[in-house]
Amino acid sequence: MTESEWLACEDPNSLLAFVAPRVTSRIVRLFVLKTRLSSGAEGSDVWDLQVLPIRNLVSWTGILPPIELNVSPVPPAHCDASLVEFVIAAQTKIEALENPNRNLRQFHSEYCQFLREFIPFRPVSFDPVWRTSDVVAIATGIYDCRDFSAMPILADALQEAGCDNDDVLNHCRDANGVHVRGCWVADLILGKS
């Protein structure tokens, strides 16, 4: 998959196939919570659950109805990605049943936006030198307040700290990007994994 294909893709399973080895348990939790919970629940203590087993989390968010999913199992090395695939399949079925007039292509496009927010196109090595007090303070403020309007300011602070990584800087400056808690740049800065 090329970068332009990654950015234009509206099939979440294609994106998952490309990044499967890099999908972590944290990404699964963020994805499940962001795509299933109402926006009001995002601010609650459940958002950063680190210890809740994923199976319990999936059950807790209500996406284990008796629906035939036809999601094929994948090797254990990719179990986190297969769980996201399961979530997408389950929620697509639920959405189709609950809102039969909804355009499922738009639904999948939203999932792709979340996946691009949680996982960069290519792995990024974050130089600890870039983690200045200003960068950490801005990233913490963005993370705690969920005010992503400060992302371009974060890009400027990173650049001042010596960051020359186009993926990092472009992600922060992307005015059309969907930014949510779990943003891969903020996670790299704050050491969340």
C-alpha atoms as a PDB file:
ATOM      1  CA  MET A   1       0.000   0.000   0.000  1.00  0.00           C
ATOM      2  CA  THR A   2       1.352   3.422  -0.924  1.00  0.00           C
ATOM      3  CA  GLU A   3       0.952   6.470   1.281  1.00  0.00           C
ATOM      4  CA  SER A   4      -1.582   8.035  -1.081  1.00  0.00           C
ATOM      5  CA  GLU A   5      -3.589   4.767  -1.036  1.00  0.00           C
ATOM      6  CA  TRP A   6      -3.389   4.793   2.789  1.00  0.00           C
ATOM      7  CA  LEU A   7      -4.745   8.337   2.942  1.00  0.00           C
ATOM      8  CA  ALA A   8      -7.544   7.679   0.438  1.00  0.00           C
ATOM      9  CA  CYS A   9      -8.577   4.214   1.641  1.00  0.00           C
ATOM     10  CA  GLU A  10     -12.163   3.839   2.865  1.00  0.00           C
ATOM     11  CA  ASP A  11     -11.952   0.121   3.651  1.00  0.00           C
ATOM     12  CA  PRO A  12     -10.889  -0.361   7.278  1.00  0.00           C
ATOM     13  CA  ASN A  13      -9.985  -4.005   6.702  1.00  0.00           C
ATOM     14  CA  SER A  14      -7.457  -3.006   4.023  1.00  0.00           C
ATOM     15  CA  LEU A  15      -5.873  -0.554   6.447  1.00  0.00           C
ATOM     16  CA  LEU A  16      -5.838  -3.215   9.159  1.00  0.00           C
ATOM     17  CA  ALA A  17      -4.157  -5.719   6.870  1.00  0.00           C
ATOM     18  CA  PHE A  18      -1.415  -3.177   6.216  1.00  0.00           C
ATOM     19  CA  VAL A  19      -0.768  -2.274   9.883  1.00  0.00           C
ATOM     20  CA  ALA A  20      -1.744  -5.541  11.626  1.00  0.00           C
ATOM     21  CA  PRO A  21       1.662  -6.156  13.272  1.00  0.00           C
ATOM     22  CA  ARG A  22       1.582  -2.638  14.781  1.00  0.00           C
ATOM     23  CA  VAL A  23      -1.899  -2.830  16.313  1.00  0.00           C
ATOM     24  CA  THR A  24      -1.489  -2.890  20.098  1.00  0.00           C
ATOM     25  CA  SER A  25      -3.936  -3.668  22.868  1.00  0.00           C
ATOM     26  CA  ARG A  26      -4.126   0.061  23.637  1.00  0.00           C
ATOM     27  CA  ILE A  27      -5.155   0.782  20.051  1.00  0.00           C
ATOM     28  CA  VAL A  28      -7.854  -1.883  20.297  1.00  0.00           C
ATOM     29  CA  ARG A  29      -9.190  -0.300  23.488  1.00  0.00           C
ATOM     30  CA  LEU A  30      -9.140   3.190  22.003  1.00  0.00           C
ATOM     31  CA  PHE A  31     -10.784   2.006  18.804  1.00  0.00           C
ATOM     32  CA  VAL A  32     -13.535   0.109  20.609  1.00  0.00           C
ATOM     33  CA  LEU A  33     -14.266   2.985  22.954  1.00  0.00           C
ATOM     34  CA  LYS A  34     -14.147   5.687  20.290  1.00  0.00           C
ATOM     35  CA  THR A  35     -16.362   3.841  17.839  1.00  0.00           C
ATOM     36  CA  ARG A  36     -18.950   2.466  20.249  1.00  0.00           C
ATOM     37  CA  LEU A  37     -19.392   4.791  23.196  1.00  0.00           C
ATOM     38  CA  SER A  38     -21.390   7.968  23.058  1.00  0.00           C
ATOM     39  CA  SER A  39     -19.338  11.134  22.930  1.00  0.00           C
ATOM     40  CA  GLY A  40     -20.291  11.929  26.524  1.00  0.00           C
ATOM     41  CA  ALA A  41     -18.605   8.784  27.803  1.00  0.00           C
ATOM     42  CA  GLU A  42     -15.256   9.720  26.286  1.00  0.00           C
ATOM     43  CA  GLY A  43     -14.398  11.897  29.252  1.00  0.00           C
ATOM     44  CA  SER A  44     -15.113   9.241  31.833  1.00  0.00           C
ATOM     45  CA  ASP A  45     -12.573   7.086  33.618  1.00  0.00           C
ATOM     46  CA  VAL A  46     -13.131   4.213  31.212  1.00  0.00           C
ATOM     47  CA  TRP A  47     -11.279   5.988  28.389  1.00  0.00           C
ATOM     48  CA  ASP A  48      -7.798   5.045  29.564  1.00  0.00           C
ATOM     49  CA  LEU A  49      -8.469   1.604  30.949  1.00  0.00           C
ATOM     50  CA  GLN A  50      -5.141  -0.165  30.990  1.00  0.00           C
ATOM     51  CA  VAL A  51      -6.072  -3.283  32.907  1.00  0.00           C
ATOM     52  CA  LEU A  52      -9.474  -4.293  31.615  1.00  0.00           C
ATOM     53  CA  PRO A  53      -9.031  -7.432  29.514  1.00  0.00           C
ATOM     54  CA  ILE A  54      -9.996  -6.811  25.919  1.00  0.00           C
ATOM     55  CA  ARG A  55     -12.632  -9.572  25.902  1.00  0.00           C
ATOM     56  CA  ASN A  56     -14.333  -7.906  28.885  1.00  0.00           C
ATOM     57  CA  LEU A  57     -14.039  -4.510  27.211  1.00  0.00           C
ATOM     58  CA  VAL A  58     -15.667  -5.791  24.032  1.00  0.00           C
ATOM     59  CA  SER A  59     -18.448  -7.424  26.039  1.00  0.00           C
ATOM     60  CA  TRP A  60     -18.831  -4.323  28.223  1.00  0.00           C
ATOM     61  CA  THR A  61     -19.294  -2.030  25.219  1.00  0.00           C
ATOM     62  CA  GLY A  62     -22.129  -4.209  24.013  1.00  0.00           C
ATOM     63  CA  ILE A  63     -20.794  -5.555  20.756  1.00  0.00           C
ATOM     64  CA  LEU A  64     -21.253  -9.225  21.415  1.00  0.00           C
ATOM     65  CA  PRO A  65     -24.842  -9.704  20.285  1.00  0.00           C
ATOM     66  CA  PRO A  66     -25.825 -13.028  18.739  1.00  0.00           C
ATOM     67  CA  ILE A  67     -24.816 -11.948  15.232  1.00  0.00           C
ATOM     68  CA  GLU A  68     -23.119 -14.194  12.728  1.00  0.00           C
ATOM     69  CA  LEU A  69     -19.983 -12.277  11.768  1.00  0.00           C
ATOM     70  CA  ASN A  70     -18.055 -14.485   9.362  1.00  0.00           C
ATOM     71  CA  VAL A  71     -14.753 -13.026  10.555  1.00  0.00           C
ATOM     72  CA  SER A  72     -12.030 -15.530   9.904  1.00  0.00           C
ATOM     73  CA  PRO A  73      -9.477 -16.132  12.649  1.00  0.00           C
ATOM     74  CA  VAL A  74      -5.933 -14.882  12.107  1.00  0.00           C
ATOM     75  CA  PRO A  75      -2.619 -16.039  13.571  1.00  0.00           C
ATOM     76  CA  PRO A  76      -2.005 -15.134  17.239  1.00  0.00           C
ATOM     77  CA  ALA A  77       0.678 -12.633  16.206  1.00  0.00           C
ATOM     78  CA  HIS A  78      -2.096 -10.492  14.786  1.00  0.00           C
ATOM     79  CA  CYS A  79      -4.731 -11.087  17.467  1.00  0.00           C
ATOM     80  CA  ASP A  80      -5.129  -7.386  18.265  1.00  0.00           C
ATOM     81  CA  ALA A  81      -5.799  -6.566  14.617  1.00  0.00           C
ATOM     82  CA  SER A  82      -8.252  -9.458  14.343  1.00  0.00           C
ATOM     83  CA  LEU A  83     -10.171  -8.073  17.309  1.00  0.00           C
ATOM     84  CA  VAL A  84     -10.447  -4.680  15.594  1.00  0.00           C
ATOM     85  CA  GLU A  85     -11.613  -6.537  12.473  1.00  0.00           C
ATOM     86  CA  PHE A  86     -14.214  -8.292  14.622  1.00  0.00           C
ATOM     87  CA  VAL A  87     -15.332  -4.967  16.116  1.00  0.00           C
ATOM     88  CA  ILE A  88     -15.730  -3.469  12.647  1.00  0.00           C
ATOM     89  CA  ALA A  89     -17.704  -6.476  11.405  1.00  0.00           C
ATOM     90  CA  ALA A  90     -19.939  -6.520  14.492  1.00  0.00           C
ATOM     91  CA  GLN A  91     -20.594  -2.806  14.466  1.00  0.00           C
ATOM     92  CA  THR A  92     -21.280  -2.819  10.730  1.00  0.00           C
ATOM     93  CA  LYS A  93     -23.910  -5.525  11.260  1.00  0.00           C
ATOM     94  CA  ILE A  94     -25.402  -3.643  14.215  1.00  0.00           C
ATOM     95  CA  GLU A  95     -25.422  -0.360  12.292  1.00  0.00           C
ATOM     96  CA  ALA A  96     -27.092  -2.005   9.288  1.00  0.00           C
ATOM     97  CA  LEU A  97     -29.786  -3.468  11.543  1.00  0.00           C
ATOM     98  CA  GLU A  98     -30.348  -0.329  13.637  1.00  0.00           C
ATOM     99  CA  ASN A  99     -30.085   2.196  10.803  1.00  0.00           C
ATOM    100  CA  PRO A 100     -30.945   0.422   7.550  1.00  0.00           C
ATOM    101  CA  ASN A 101     -30.799   3.694   5.583  1.00  0.00           C
ATOM    102  CA  ARG A 102     -27.285   4.626   6.753  1.00  0.00           C
ATOM    103  CA  ASN A 103     -24.585   4.680   4.114  1.00  0.00           C
ATOM    104  CA  LEU A 104     -22.183   1.986   5.360  1.00  0.00           C
ATOM    105  CA  ARG A 105     -19.422   3.331   3.127  1.00  0.00           C
ATOM    106  CA  GLN A 106     -19.464   6.551   5.184  1.00  0.00           C
ATOM    107  CA  PHE A 107     -19.497   4.427   8.355  1.00  0.00           C
ATOM    108  CA  HIS A 108     -16.347   2.587   7.194  1.00  0.00           C
ATOM    109  CA  SER A 109     -14.723   5.846   6.131  1.00  0.00           C
ATOM    110  CA  GLU A 110     -15.089   7.107   9.720  1.00  0.00           C
ATOM    111  CA  TYR A 111     -13.403   3.932  10.979  1.00  0.00           C
ATOM    112  CA  CYS A 112     -10.530   4.547   8.562  1.00  0.00           C
ATOM    113  CA  GLN A 113     -10.116   8.057   9.937  1.00  0.00           C
ATOM    114  CA  PHE A 114      -9.821   6.642  13.458  1.00  0.00           C
ATOM    115  CA  LEU A 115      -7.299   4.019  12.369  1.00  0.00           C
ATOM    116  CA  ARG A 116      -5.146   6.695  10.688  1.00  0.00           C
ATOM    117  CA  GLU A 117      -5.342   8.748  13.884  1.00  0.00           C
ATOM    118  CA  PHE A 118      -4.210   5.835  16.072  1.00  0.00           C
ATOM    119  CA  ILE A 119      -1.545   4.362  13.746  1.00  0.00           C
ATOM    120  CA  PRO A 120       0.847   6.204  11.413  1.00  0.00           C
ATOM    121  CA  PHE A 121       1.353   5.065   7.830  1.00  0.00           C
ATOM    122  CA  ARG A 122       4.881   3.927   8.635  1.00  0.00           C
ATOM    123  CA  PRO A 123       6.556   3.319  11.994  1.00  0.00           C
ATOM    124  CA  VAL A 124       7.982   6.523  13.463  1.00  0.00           C
ATOM    125  CA  SER A 125      11.034   6.688  15.679  1.00  0.00           C
ATOM    126  CA  PHE A 126      10.523   9.461  18.178  1.00  0.00           C
ATOM    127  CA  ASP A 127      13.778  11.115  19.208  1.00  0.00           C
ATOM    128  CA  PRO A 128      13.713  11.777  22.981  1.00  0.00           C
ATOM    129  CA  VAL A 129      15.437  15.124  22.311  1.00  0.00           C
ATOM    130  CA  TRP A 130      12.138  16.341  20.829  1.00  0.00           C
ATOM    131  CA  ARG A 131      10.408  15.716  24.173  1.00  0.00           C
ATOM    132  CA  THR A 132      11.116  19.176  25.613  1.00  0.00           C
ATOM    133  CA  SER A 133       9.135  20.617  28.497  1.00  0.00           C
ATOM    134  CA  ASP A 134       7.157  22.797  26.046  1.00  0.00           C
ATOM    135  CA  VAL A 135       6.340  19.840  23.788  1.00  0.00           C
ATOM    136  CA  VAL A 136       5.254  17.689  26.731  1.00  0.00           C
ATOM    137  CA  ALA A 137       3.173  20.504  28.232  1.00  0.00           C
ATOM    138  CA  ILE A 138       1.345  21.146  24.947  1.00  0.00           C
ATOM    139  CA  ALA A 139       0.761  17.431  24.321  1.00  0.00           C
ATOM    140  CA  THR A 140      -0.484  16.961  27.900  1.00  0.00           C
ATOM    141  CA  GLY A 141      -2.883  19.862  27.516  1.00  0.00           C
ATOM    142  CA  ILE A 142      -4.195  18.459  24.239  1.00  0.00           C
ATOM    143  CA  TYR A 143      -4.588  15.017  25.773  1.00  0.00           C
ATOM    144  CA  ASP A 144      -6.209  16.137  29.035  1.00  0.00           C
ATOM    145  CA  CYS A 145      -8.516  18.799  27.587  1.00  0.00           C
ATOM    146  CA  ARG A 146      -9.196  17.093  24.259  1.00  0.00           C
ATOM    147  CA  ASP A 147      -8.494  20.417  22.567  1.00  0.00           C
ATOM    148  CA  PHE A 148      -6.955  19.376  19.286  1.00  0.00           C
ATOM    149  CA  SER A 149      -6.966  22.914  17.932  1.00  0.00           C
ATOM    150  CA  ALA A 150      -3.499  23.165  19.500  1.00  0.00           C
ATOM    151  CA  MET A 151      -2.032  20.494  17.185  1.00  0.00           C
ATOM    152  CA  PRO A 152      -0.375  23.094  14.874  1.00  0.00           C
ATOM    153  CA  ILE A 153       1.163  24.728  17.961  1.00  0.00           C
ATOM    154  CA  LEU A 154       2.486  21.301  18.944  1.00  0.00           C
ATOM    155  CA  ALA A 155       4.029  20.980  15.463  1.00  0.00           C
ATOM    156  CA  ASP A 156       5.786  24.331  15.920  1.00  0.00           C
ATOM    157  CA  ALA A 157       7.107  23.293  19.353  1.00  0.00           C
ATOM    158  CA  LEU A 158       8.325  19.977  17.950  1.00  0.00           C
ATOM    159  CA  GLN A 159      10.068  21.757  15.094  1.00  0.00           C
ATOM    160  CA  GLU A 160      11.731  24.144  17.550  1.00  0.00           C
ATOM    161  CA  ALA A 161      12.901  21.074  19.494  1.00  0.00           C
ATOM    162  CA  GLY A 162      14.605  19.791  16.344  1.00  0.00           C
ATOM    163  CA  CYS A 163      11.933  17.470  14.962  1.00  0.00           C
ATOM    164  CA  ASP A 164      12.336  17.149  11.218  1.00  0.00           C
ATOM    165  CA  ASN A 165      10.077  14.131  10.728  1.00  0.00           C
ATOM    166  CA  ASP A 166       7.548  15.030   8.039  1.00  0.00           C
ATOM    167  CA  ASP A 167       5.075  12.356   9.208  1.00  0.00           C
ATOM    168  CA  VAL A 168       4.946  13.843  12.705  1.00  0.00           C
ATOM    169  CA  LEU A 169       4.817  17.470  11.610  1.00  0.00           C
ATOM    170  CA  ASN A 170       2.294  16.899   8.802  1.00  0.00           C
ATOM    171  CA  HIS A 171       0.002  14.912  11.098  1.00  0.00           C
ATOM    172  CA  CYS A 172      -0.038  17.780  13.593  1.00  0.00           C
ATOM    173  CA  ARG A 173      -0.674  20.380  10.899  1.00  0.00           C
ATOM    174  CA  ASP A 174      -3.330  18.462   8.951  1.00  0.00           C
ATOM    175  CA  ALA A 175      -6.332  20.791   9.114  1.00  0.00           C
ATOM    176  CA  ASN A 176      -8.576  18.108   7.592  1.00  0.00           C
ATOM    177  CA  GLY A 177      -7.449  15.338   9.930  1.00  0.00           C
ATOM    178  CA  VAL A 178      -9.652  13.830  12.589  1.00  0.00           C
ATOM    179  CA  HIS A 179      -7.856  14.152  15.910  1.00  0.00           C
ATOM    180  CA  VAL A 180      -9.017  12.219  18.965  1.00  0.00           C
ATOM    181  CA  ARG A 181      -7.533  11.001  22.197  1.00  0.00           C
ATOM    182  CA  GLY A 182      -5.127   8.279  21.187  1.00  0.00           C
ATOM    183  CA  CYS A 183      -3.516  10.404  18.475  1.00  0.00           C
ATOM    184  CA  TRP A 184      -0.306   8.569  17.627  1.00  0.00           C
ATOM    185  CA  VAL A 185       1.822  11.738  17.851  1.00  0.00           C
ATOM    186  CA  ALA A 186       0.531  12.645  21.322  1.00  0.00           C
ATOM    187  CA  ASP A 187       0.977   9.034  22.421  1.00  0.00           C
ATOM    188  CA  LEU A 188       4.612   9.038  21.236  1.00  0.00           C
ATOM    189  CA  ILE A 189       5.307  12.271  23.103  1.00  0.00           C
ATOM    190  CA  LEU A 190       3.606  11.125  26.297  1.00  0.00           C
ATOM    191  CA  GLY A 191       5.021   7.597  26.151  1.00  0.00           C
ATOM    192  CA  LYS A 192       1.627   5.885  25.975  1.00  0.00           C
ATOM    193  CA  SER A 193       1.593   2.437  24.451  1.00  0.00           C
END
